[in-house]
């Protein structure tokens, strides 16, 4: 499960159905031969008959959104909207407005009334992806909605609307651990975790790999064939990026392989047996990913806006990954954000845009810890601490009134 090129899911059928669908093609088509995938599809279809809240867990790239779509399309709500919200991709101040809507004049850019996604999903399903990224304040607000079904737009004192939606949430984090750390409300966890569906990573269902490869190859404009040796390598690789990573690798082979037959020598080096980065634990894999991206940015192979930025927006990079990447840049430039901009293949004029992007997604790293004492003065560029949000600026001090009103 996972996205194909563009925004289509890897399991969505366009034309002839694939040879190995694990779920019927009445909704998003789930590709897989494993017992785990077939069991998940069976559970999703059974759960779809009711309105119970569903919590879907699993690593990034396993296809949690496809399971949510499957539940919706098999439910009696299928004729009504299915609305997905990425809680990790929206700042807290905007997430409140996105979910609950706002009235004209509620804040600076509120030029008109706006209906929130909860109301847009009336009668249907709302899918909250990366729900663990909600702030505690937003968690409290959403919990209140779950209790009474009422939404109150931002800036409205009186207007309330009753909404009937089914809630499906997903996360790649351990919510119980987040509760223990004080980052997630225990009462909200219990509210969301009525039915729990866990999607295992691709490395735990290797029998699905060949079916997914065949599906991607069948839908490609250029026809290639993988040798049996190459297929065995792909089946034994651990795929830390799961189906999204598999899709990217196959797409690269389709367009970059010199011939129509792809052998082991045509595969990316990191996939080959003996590479230690395929067996690292999660924390080490994240560190390795930041290191790989940093090296590619530093040597000019990648550029930030063309490569890293889309990965983050597509949720192939987490906030943690992005912060780690920025930390490496600051360590190299001794805390100089302007030098990081140039290091990452951006124009000097992108400095403010870069900081605003980091601030919007809460990925700013304080440059001061990377400043080294005793360096020549010309090594240090005076710059302010980057803001945590572009909406928060420095206010000019107000003059004291000397007259009477």
Protein backbone atom coordinates (compact mmCIF):
# COMPACT_ATOMS: atom_id res chain seq x y z
CA UNK A 1 0.00 0.00 0.00
CA UNK A 2 1.18 3.50 -0.72
CA UNK A 3 1.15 6.30 -3.28
CA UNK A 4 2.16 5.90 -6.89
CA UNK A 5 3.63 8.59 -9.10
CA UNK A 6 1.73 11.80 -8.64
CA UNK A 7 -0.93 11.63 -5.96
CA UNK A 8 -2.54 8.31 -6.88
CA UNK A 9 -2.35 5.53 -4.29
CA UNK A 10 -0.33 2.50 -5.28
CA UNK A 11 -3.34 0.32 -4.81
CA UNK A 12 -5.83 2.37 -6.78
CA UNK A 13 -6.92 0.71 -10.00
CA UNK A 14 -6.77 2.71 -13.21
CA UNK A 15 -7.68 0.41 -16.09
CA UNK A 16 -7.18 -3.31 -15.69
CA UNK A 17 -7.11 -4.58 -12.08
CA UNK A 18 -3.79 -5.99 -10.88
CA UNK A 19 -3.17 -9.69 -10.51
CA UNK A 20 -2.93 -9.70 -6.74
CA UNK A 21 -5.60 -7.47 -5.14
CA UNK A 22 -6.04 -8.22 -1.46
CA UNK A 23 -9.31 -6.28 -1.36
CA UNK A 24 -12.10 -6.03 -3.92
CA UNK A 25 -11.90 -3.08 -6.35
CA UNK A 26 -15.02 -1.30 -5.06
CA UNK A 27 -12.78 1.14 -3.21
CA UNK A 28 -9.04 1.80 -3.08
CA UNK A 29 -7.45 -1.39 -4.40
CA UNK A 30 -5.07 -2.92 -1.87
CA UNK A 31 -2.25 -4.95 -3.43
CA UNK A 32 -0.82 -7.82 -1.46
CA UNK A 33 -0.55 -11.57 -1.03
CA UNK A 34 0.22 -11.67 2.69
CA UNK A 35 -2.16 -12.96 5.31
CA UNK A 36 -1.61 -9.72 7.24
CA UNK A 37 -2.97 -7.53 4.44
CA UNK A 38 -5.91 -9.82 3.79
CA UNK A 39 -6.76 -9.80 7.49
CA UNK A 40 -6.57 -5.99 7.61
CA UNK A 41 -8.89 -5.67 4.62
CA UNK A 42 -11.35 -8.11 6.17
CA UNK A 43 -11.32 -6.17 9.45
CA UNK A 44 -11.76 -2.85 7.64
CA UNK A 45 -14.79 -4.10 5.73
CA UNK A 46 -16.33 -5.53 8.89
CA UNK A 47 -15.74 -2.32 10.84
CA UNK A 48 -17.24 -0.31 7.97
CA UNK A 49 -20.69 -1.66 8.80
CA UNK A 50 -20.89 0.48 11.95
CA UNK A 51 -19.84 3.93 13.08
CA UNK A 52 -17.16 3.03 15.63
CA UNK A 53 -14.12 5.29 15.69
CA UNK A 54 -11.02 3.67 14.23
CA UNK A 55 -7.36 4.24 15.07
CA UNK A 56 -4.93 3.09 12.36
CA UNK A 57 -1.28 2.79 13.35
CA UNK A 58 1.87 1.94 11.44
CA UNK A 59 5.07 3.44 10.13
CA UNK A 60 5.10 6.22 7.55
CA UNK A 61 4.48 4.95 4.04
CA UNK A 62 2.56 1.75 4.86
CA UNK A 63 -0.77 3.02 3.48
CA UNK A 64 -2.81 3.97 6.53
CA UNK A 65 -4.80 6.45 4.44
CA UNK A 66 -5.85 3.68 2.05
CA UNK A 67 -7.29 1.65 4.91
CA UNK A 68 -9.28 4.70 6.00
CA UNK A 69 -10.61 5.12 2.45
CA UNK A 70 -11.48 1.42 2.35
CA UNK A 71 -13.56 1.72 5.52
CA UNK A 72 -15.38 4.75 4.13
CA UNK A 73 -16.17 3.24 0.73
CA UNK A 74 -17.61 0.10 2.33
CA UNK A 75 -19.74 2.01 4.84
CA UNK A 76 -23.25 3.39 4.56
CA UNK A 77 -21.58 6.82 4.51
CA UNK A 78 -19.91 6.15 1.15
CA UNK A 79 -22.27 8.51 -0.69
CA UNK A 80 -21.20 11.37 1.59
CA UNK A 81 -17.85 13.20 1.69
CA UNK A 82 -14.55 11.69 2.76
CA UNK A 83 -12.33 14.50 4.05
CA UNK A 84 -8.68 14.00 5.02
CA UNK A 85 -6.75 16.40 7.27
CA UNK A 86 -2.99 16.18 7.80
CA UNK A 87 -2.54 17.36 11.39
CA UNK A 88 1.25 17.47 10.98
CA UNK A 89 1.17 19.74 7.95
CA UNK A 90 -0.89 22.57 9.43
CA UNK A 91 0.21 24.98 12.21
CA UNK A 92 -1.94 24.91 15.35
CA UNK A 93 -3.56 28.30 14.70
CA UNK A 94 -4.58 27.23 11.20
CA UNK A 95 -5.58 23.70 12.22
CA UNK A 96 -8.31 25.07 14.49
CA UNK A 97 -9.73 27.11 11.62
CA UNK A 98 -9.37 24.22 9.18
CA UNK A 99 -11.30 21.82 11.41
CA UNK A 100 -13.94 24.12 12.89
CA UNK A 101 -14.10 26.94 10.35
CA UNK A 102 -14.09 30.66 11.12
CA UNK A 103 -16.24 33.74 10.78
CA UNK A 104 -15.34 36.90 8.93
CA UNK A 105 -13.00 39.10 10.96
CA UNK A 106 -11.92 36.32 13.34
CA UNK A 107 -8.28 37.10 12.53
CA UNK A 108 -6.28 39.24 10.14
CA UNK A 109 -6.79 37.21 6.96
CA UNK A 110 -10.37 36.11 7.69
CA UNK A 111 -12.04 38.10 4.89
CA UNK A 112 -15.10 35.87 4.79
CA UNK A 113 -16.81 33.05 6.65
CA UNK A 114 -15.24 29.65 6.07
CA UNK A 115 -16.77 26.22 6.64
CA UNK A 116 -14.43 23.83 8.46
CA UNK A 117 -13.57 20.32 7.34
CA UNK A 118 -15.71 18.76 10.08
CA UNK A 119 -18.77 20.45 8.61
CA UNK A 120 -17.63 19.65 5.05
CA UNK A 121 -17.62 15.97 6.01
CA UNK A 122 -21.22 16.10 7.25
CA UNK A 123 -22.75 12.65 6.98
CA UNK A 124 -19.45 11.16 5.85
CA UNK A 125 -16.00 10.45 7.25
CA UNK A 126 -13.17 12.65 8.46
CA UNK A 127 -9.68 11.17 8.43
CA UNK A 128 -7.20 12.74 10.82
CA UNK A 129 -3.73 11.77 9.66
CA UNK A 130 -0.80 12.14 12.10
CA UNK A 131 -3.24 12.87 14.93
CA UNK A 132 -0.41 12.65 17.49
CA UNK A 133 0.97 15.94 16.10
CA UNK A 134 -2.01 17.85 17.51
CA UNK A 135 -1.11 20.25 20.31
CA UNK A 136 -2.60 19.60 23.73
CA UNK A 137 -4.89 22.60 23.24
CA UNK A 138 -6.21 21.22 19.96
CA UNK A 139 -6.60 17.80 21.55
CA UNK A 140 -8.85 19.32 24.22
CA UNK A 141 -10.93 21.10 21.59
CA UNK A 142 -11.34 17.96 19.51
CA UNK A 143 -12.21 15.90 22.57
CA UNK A 144 -15.01 18.36 23.32
CA UNK A 145 -16.31 17.90 19.78
CA UNK A 146 -16.29 14.10 20.20
CA UNK A 147 -18.36 14.46 23.35
CA UNK A 148 -21.18 16.59 21.94
CA UNK A 149 -20.76 16.68 18.16
CA UNK A 150 -20.89 20.48 18.15
CA UNK A 151 -18.51 22.76 16.30
CA UNK A 152 -18.02 26.46 16.98
CA UNK A 153 -16.21 28.44 14.28
CA UNK A 154 -13.22 30.52 15.33
CA UNK A 155 -14.36 34.03 16.23
CA UNK A 156 -17.99 33.06 16.84
CA UNK A 157 -19.46 33.44 20.33
CA UNK A 158 -22.91 32.02 19.72
CA UNK A 159 -23.11 30.09 16.44
CA UNK A 160 -22.79 26.34 16.97
CA UNK A 161 -23.50 23.55 14.51
CA UNK A 162 -24.26 19.90 15.17
CA UNK A 163 -22.19 17.62 12.94
CA UNK A 164 -22.58 13.93 12.25
CA UNK A 165 -19.30 12.46 11.00
CA UNK A 166 -17.35 9.28 11.48
CA UNK A 167 -13.84 9.81 12.83
CA UNK A 168 -10.89 7.74 11.64
CA UNK A 169 -7.46 8.72 12.98
CA UNK A 170 -3.97 7.55 12.10
CA UNK A 171 -0.51 7.93 13.58
CA UNK A 172 2.99 6.52 13.16
CA UNK A 173 3.68 7.08 16.87
CA UNK A 174 3.05 4.98 19.95
CA UNK A 175 0.15 6.88 21.54
CA UNK A 176 0.57 5.09 24.87
CA UNK A 177 4.18 6.31 25.02
CA UNK A 178 3.04 9.81 24.02
CA UNK A 179 0.52 9.74 26.87
CA UNK A 180 3.21 8.63 29.33
CA UNK A 181 5.43 11.49 28.14
CA UNK A 182 2.62 14.01 28.60
CA UNK A 183 2.32 14.80 24.89
CA UNK A 184 -1.09 13.22 24.29
CA UNK A 185 -4.28 13.16 26.33
CA UNK A 186 -5.16 9.75 27.68
CA UNK A 187 -8.91 10.40 27.48
CA UNK A 188 -8.61 11.33 23.80
CA UNK A 189 -6.57 8.20 23.10
CA UNK A 190 -9.32 6.02 24.53
CA UNK A 191 -11.95 7.92 22.54
CA UNK A 192 -10.12 7.36 19.27
CA UNK A 193 -8.91 3.81 19.92
CA UNK A 194 -12.27 2.03 19.79
CA UNK A 195 -11.19 -0.21 16.93
CA UNK A 196 -7.44 -0.51 16.41
CA UNK A 197 -6.00 -1.54 13.06
CA UNK A 198 -2.21 -1.89 12.86
CA UNK A 199 -0.61 -1.97 9.43
CA UNK A 200 2.73 -3.84 9.62
CA UNK A 201 5.78 -2.46 7.82
CA UNK A 202 6.69 -3.87 4.42
CA UNK A 203 9.72 -5.73 5.82
CA UNK A 204 7.32 -7.88 7.89
CA UNK A 205 5.28 -8.90 4.84
CA UNK A 206 7.92 -9.60 2.22
CA UNK A 207 5.47 -11.68 0.20
CA UNK A 208 3.73 -8.43 -0.78
CA UNK A 209 6.87 -6.91 -2.34
CA UNK A 210 6.78 -8.81 -5.62
CA UNK A 211 3.06 -8.14 -6.09
CA UNK A 212 3.61 -4.41 -5.56
CA UNK A 213 6.54 -4.38 -7.99
CA UNK A 214 4.48 -6.16 -10.64
CA UNK A 215 1.67 -3.64 -10.13
CA UNK A 216 3.99 -0.64 -10.57
CA UNK A 217 5.67 -2.14 -13.63
CA UNK A 218 2.35 -3.01 -15.25
CA UNK A 219 1.16 0.59 -15.05
CA UNK A 220 4.38 2.19 -16.35
CA UNK A 221 4.69 3.87 -19.73
CA UNK A 222 8.11 2.31 -20.25
CA UNK A 223 8.27 -1.48 -20.07
CA UNK A 224 11.14 -3.05 -18.13
CA UNK A 225 11.72 -6.47 -16.62
CA UNK A 226 13.56 -7.30 -13.39
CA UNK A 227 15.71 -10.41 -13.26
CA UNK A 228 15.05 -13.00 -10.60
CA UNK A 229 18.27 -12.00 -8.81
CA UNK A 230 17.18 -8.35 -8.72
CA UNK A 231 13.74 -9.32 -7.42
CA UNK A 232 15.32 -11.38 -4.62
CA UNK A 233 17.43 -8.39 -3.57
CA UNK A 234 14.33 -6.20 -3.43
CA UNK A 235 12.49 -8.86 -1.43
CA UNK A 236 15.26 -9.06 1.19
CA UNK A 237 15.78 -5.29 1.56
CA UNK A 238 14.16 -3.94 4.74
CA UNK A 239 12.41 -0.91 3.15
CA UNK A 240 12.57 1.62 6.02
CA UNK A 241 10.43 3.96 3.88
CA UNK A 242 7.93 1.15 3.23
CA UNK A 243 5.73 1.21 0.12
CA UNK A 244 6.51 4.85 -0.66
CA UNK A 245 10.21 3.98 -0.85
CA UNK A 246 9.49 0.91 -2.99
CA UNK A 247 7.43 3.00 -5.39
CA UNK A 248 10.21 5.59 -5.73
CA UNK A 249 12.83 2.91 -6.38
CA UNK A 250 10.73 1.23 -9.09
CA UNK A 251 9.93 4.55 -10.73
CA UNK A 252 13.64 5.39 -10.78
CA UNK A 253 14.47 2.02 -12.35
CA UNK A 254 11.78 2.49 -14.99
CA UNK A 255 13.24 5.74 -16.23
CA UNK A 256 16.94 5.50 -15.33
CA UNK A 257 17.90 1.90 -16.15
CA UNK A 258 19.97 1.75 -19.36
CA UNK A 259 18.24 -1.34 -20.74
CA UNK A 260 14.88 -3.04 -20.62
CA UNK A 261 16.23 -5.79 -18.33
CA UNK A 262 17.20 -4.69 -14.81
CA UNK A 263 19.77 -6.77 -12.94
CA UNK A 264 21.44 -6.41 -9.54
CA UNK A 265 24.05 -4.01 -10.93
CA UNK A 266 21.30 -1.57 -11.94
CA UNK A 267 19.86 -1.34 -8.43
CA UNK A 268 20.70 1.58 -6.09
CA UNK A 269 23.74 0.72 -3.96
CA UNK A 270 21.89 1.16 -0.68
CA UNK A 271 19.59 -1.74 -1.56
CA UNK A 272 22.37 -4.28 -2.00
CA UNK A 273 23.09 -6.97 0.61
CA UNK A 274 25.62 -6.05 3.30
CA UNK A 275 24.55 -2.42 3.63
CA UNK A 276 24.28 -1.72 7.36
CA UNK A 277 21.74 1.09 6.99
CA UNK A 278 19.02 -1.48 6.19
CA UNK A 279 19.18 -3.08 9.63
CA UNK A 280 19.48 -0.01 11.82
CA UNK A 281 16.81 0.66 14.47
CA UNK A 282 14.31 3.46 13.84
CA UNK A 283 16.31 6.22 15.57
CA UNK A 284 19.47 5.27 13.69
CA UNK A 285 17.61 5.08 10.37
CA UNK A 286 16.34 8.61 10.92
CA UNK A 287 19.82 9.83 11.68
CA UNK A 288 21.13 8.02 8.60
CA UNK A 289 18.42 9.60 6.44
CA UNK A 290 19.33 13.09 7.63
CA UNK A 291 22.99 12.33 6.95
CA UNK A 292 22.22 11.08 3.42
CA UNK A 293 20.10 14.13 2.60
CA UNK A 294 22.70 16.48 4.02
CA UNK A 295 25.47 14.93 1.92
CA UNK A 296 23.33 15.15 -1.22
CA UNK A 297 22.48 18.81 -0.52
CA UNK A 298 26.08 19.68 0.27
CA UNK A 299 27.51 18.17 -2.91
CA UNK A 300 24.80 19.69 -5.09
CA UNK A 301 23.09 16.42 -5.99
CA UNK A 302 19.84 17.68 -4.45
CA UNK A 303 18.42 21.12 -3.76
CA UNK A 304 16.15 22.02 -0.87
CA UNK A 305 13.12 23.42 -2.70
CA UNK A 306 13.14 20.88 -5.53
CA UNK A 307 13.72 17.75 -3.45
CA UNK A 308 13.52 18.12 0.34
CA UNK A 309 10.53 20.47 0.36
CA UNK A 310 8.27 18.08 -1.67
CA UNK A 311 9.36 15.12 0.47
CA UNK A 312 8.25 16.96 3.60
CA UNK A 313 4.92 18.07 2.13
CA UNK A 314 4.24 14.49 0.98
CA UNK A 315 5.02 13.29 4.54
CA UNK A 316 7.98 11.23 3.36
CA UNK A 317 10.05 13.36 5.76
CA UNK A 318 8.99 13.97 9.34
CA UNK A 319 9.52 17.12 11.36
CA UNK A 320 12.22 15.26 13.25
CA UNK A 321 14.00 14.47 9.97
CA UNK A 322 13.83 18.11 8.88
CA UNK A 323 15.14 19.41 12.23
CA UNK A 324 18.02 16.93 12.07
CA UNK A 325 18.85 18.13 8.57
CA UNK A 326 18.85 21.76 9.71
CA UNK A 327 21.03 20.86 12.69
CA UNK A 328 23.64 19.39 10.39
CA UNK A 329 23.58 22.52 8.28
CA UNK A 330 24.00 24.77 11.30
CA UNK A 331 26.81 22.60 12.68
CA UNK A 332 28.66 22.95 9.38
CA UNK A 333 28.13 26.72 9.10
CA UNK A 334 28.73 27.40 12.82
CA UNK A 335 25.17 28.57 13.35
CA UNK A 336 24.87 30.73 10.24
CA UNK A 337 21.39 30.32 8.72
CA UNK A 338 22.32 32.44 5.69
CA UNK A 339 25.17 30.06 4.94
CA UNK A 340 22.80 27.11 5.37
CA UNK A 341 20.59 28.61 2.67
CA UNK A 342 23.49 28.61 0.23
CA UNK A 343 24.68 25.17 1.40
CA UNK A 344 21.27 23.68 0.66
CA UNK A 345 21.26 24.94 -2.93
CA UNK A 346 19.01 27.97 -2.40
CA UNK A 347 19.41 31.53 -3.58
CA UNK A 348 20.44 34.14 -1.01
CA UNK A 349 17.05 35.79 -1.45
CA UNK A 350 15.36 32.63 -0.12
CA UNK A 351 16.63 33.32 3.41
CA UNK A 352 13.32 34.68 4.77
CA UNK A 353 11.27 32.13 2.86
CA UNK A 354 13.37 29.32 4.35
CA UNK A 355 12.99 30.64 7.91
CA UNK A 356 9.26 31.16 7.45
CA UNK A 357 8.89 27.61 6.18
CA UNK A 358 10.76 26.22 9.18
CA UNK A 359 8.78 28.41 11.56
CA UNK A 360 5.43 27.46 10.09
CA UNK A 361 6.14 23.77 10.67
CA UNK A 362 7.87 24.19 14.05
CA UNK A 363 11.22 23.01 12.68
CA UNK A 364 13.39 25.99 13.64
CA UNK A 365 16.62 25.04 15.42
CA UNK A 366 18.30 27.64 17.65
CA UNK A 367 21.51 28.63 15.88
CA UNK A 368 23.22 29.83 19.08
CA UNK A 369 24.25 26.39 20.29
CA UNK A 370 26.35 25.99 17.15
CA UNK A 371 28.29 29.23 17.53
CA UNK A 372 31.93 28.59 18.42
CA UNK A 373 33.72 30.96 20.74
CA UNK A 374 37.16 32.28 19.86
CA UNK A 375 36.56 32.40 16.11
CA UNK A 376 37.58 35.44 14.08
CA UNK A 377 34.85 38.04 13.93
CA UNK A 378 34.30 37.54 10.23
CA UNK A 379 33.15 33.99 10.89
CA UNK A 380 30.11 35.18 12.80
CA UNK A 381 27.10 36.75 11.15
CA UNK A 382 24.83 38.68 13.47
CA UNK A 383 21.29 37.47 12.97
CA UNK A 384 18.18 37.23 15.11
CA UNK A 385 16.86 34.01 16.59
CA UNK A 386 14.59 32.59 13.85
CA UNK A 387 10.90 32.98 14.75
CA UNK A 388 8.89 29.89 15.61
CA UNK A 389 6.03 31.08 13.48
CA UNK A 390 5.85 33.59 10.67
CA UNK A 391 2.72 34.99 12.28
CA UNK A 392 4.66 35.98 15.37
CA UNK A 393 6.84 38.99 14.91
CA UNK A 394 8.59 41.60 16.98
CA UNK A 395 6.34 44.40 18.07
CA UNK A 396 7.61 47.90 18.24
CA UNK A 397 7.53 49.32 21.75
CA UNK A 398 4.51 51.59 22.22
CA UNK A 399 5.02 55.13 23.31
CA UNK A 400 3.70 56.05 26.69
CA UNK A 401 0.76 58.38 26.56
CA UNK A 402 1.54 61.77 28.04
CA UNK A 403 -1.91 63.26 27.67
CA UNK A 404 -5.29 62.52 29.16
CA UNK A 405 -8.12 60.92 27.26
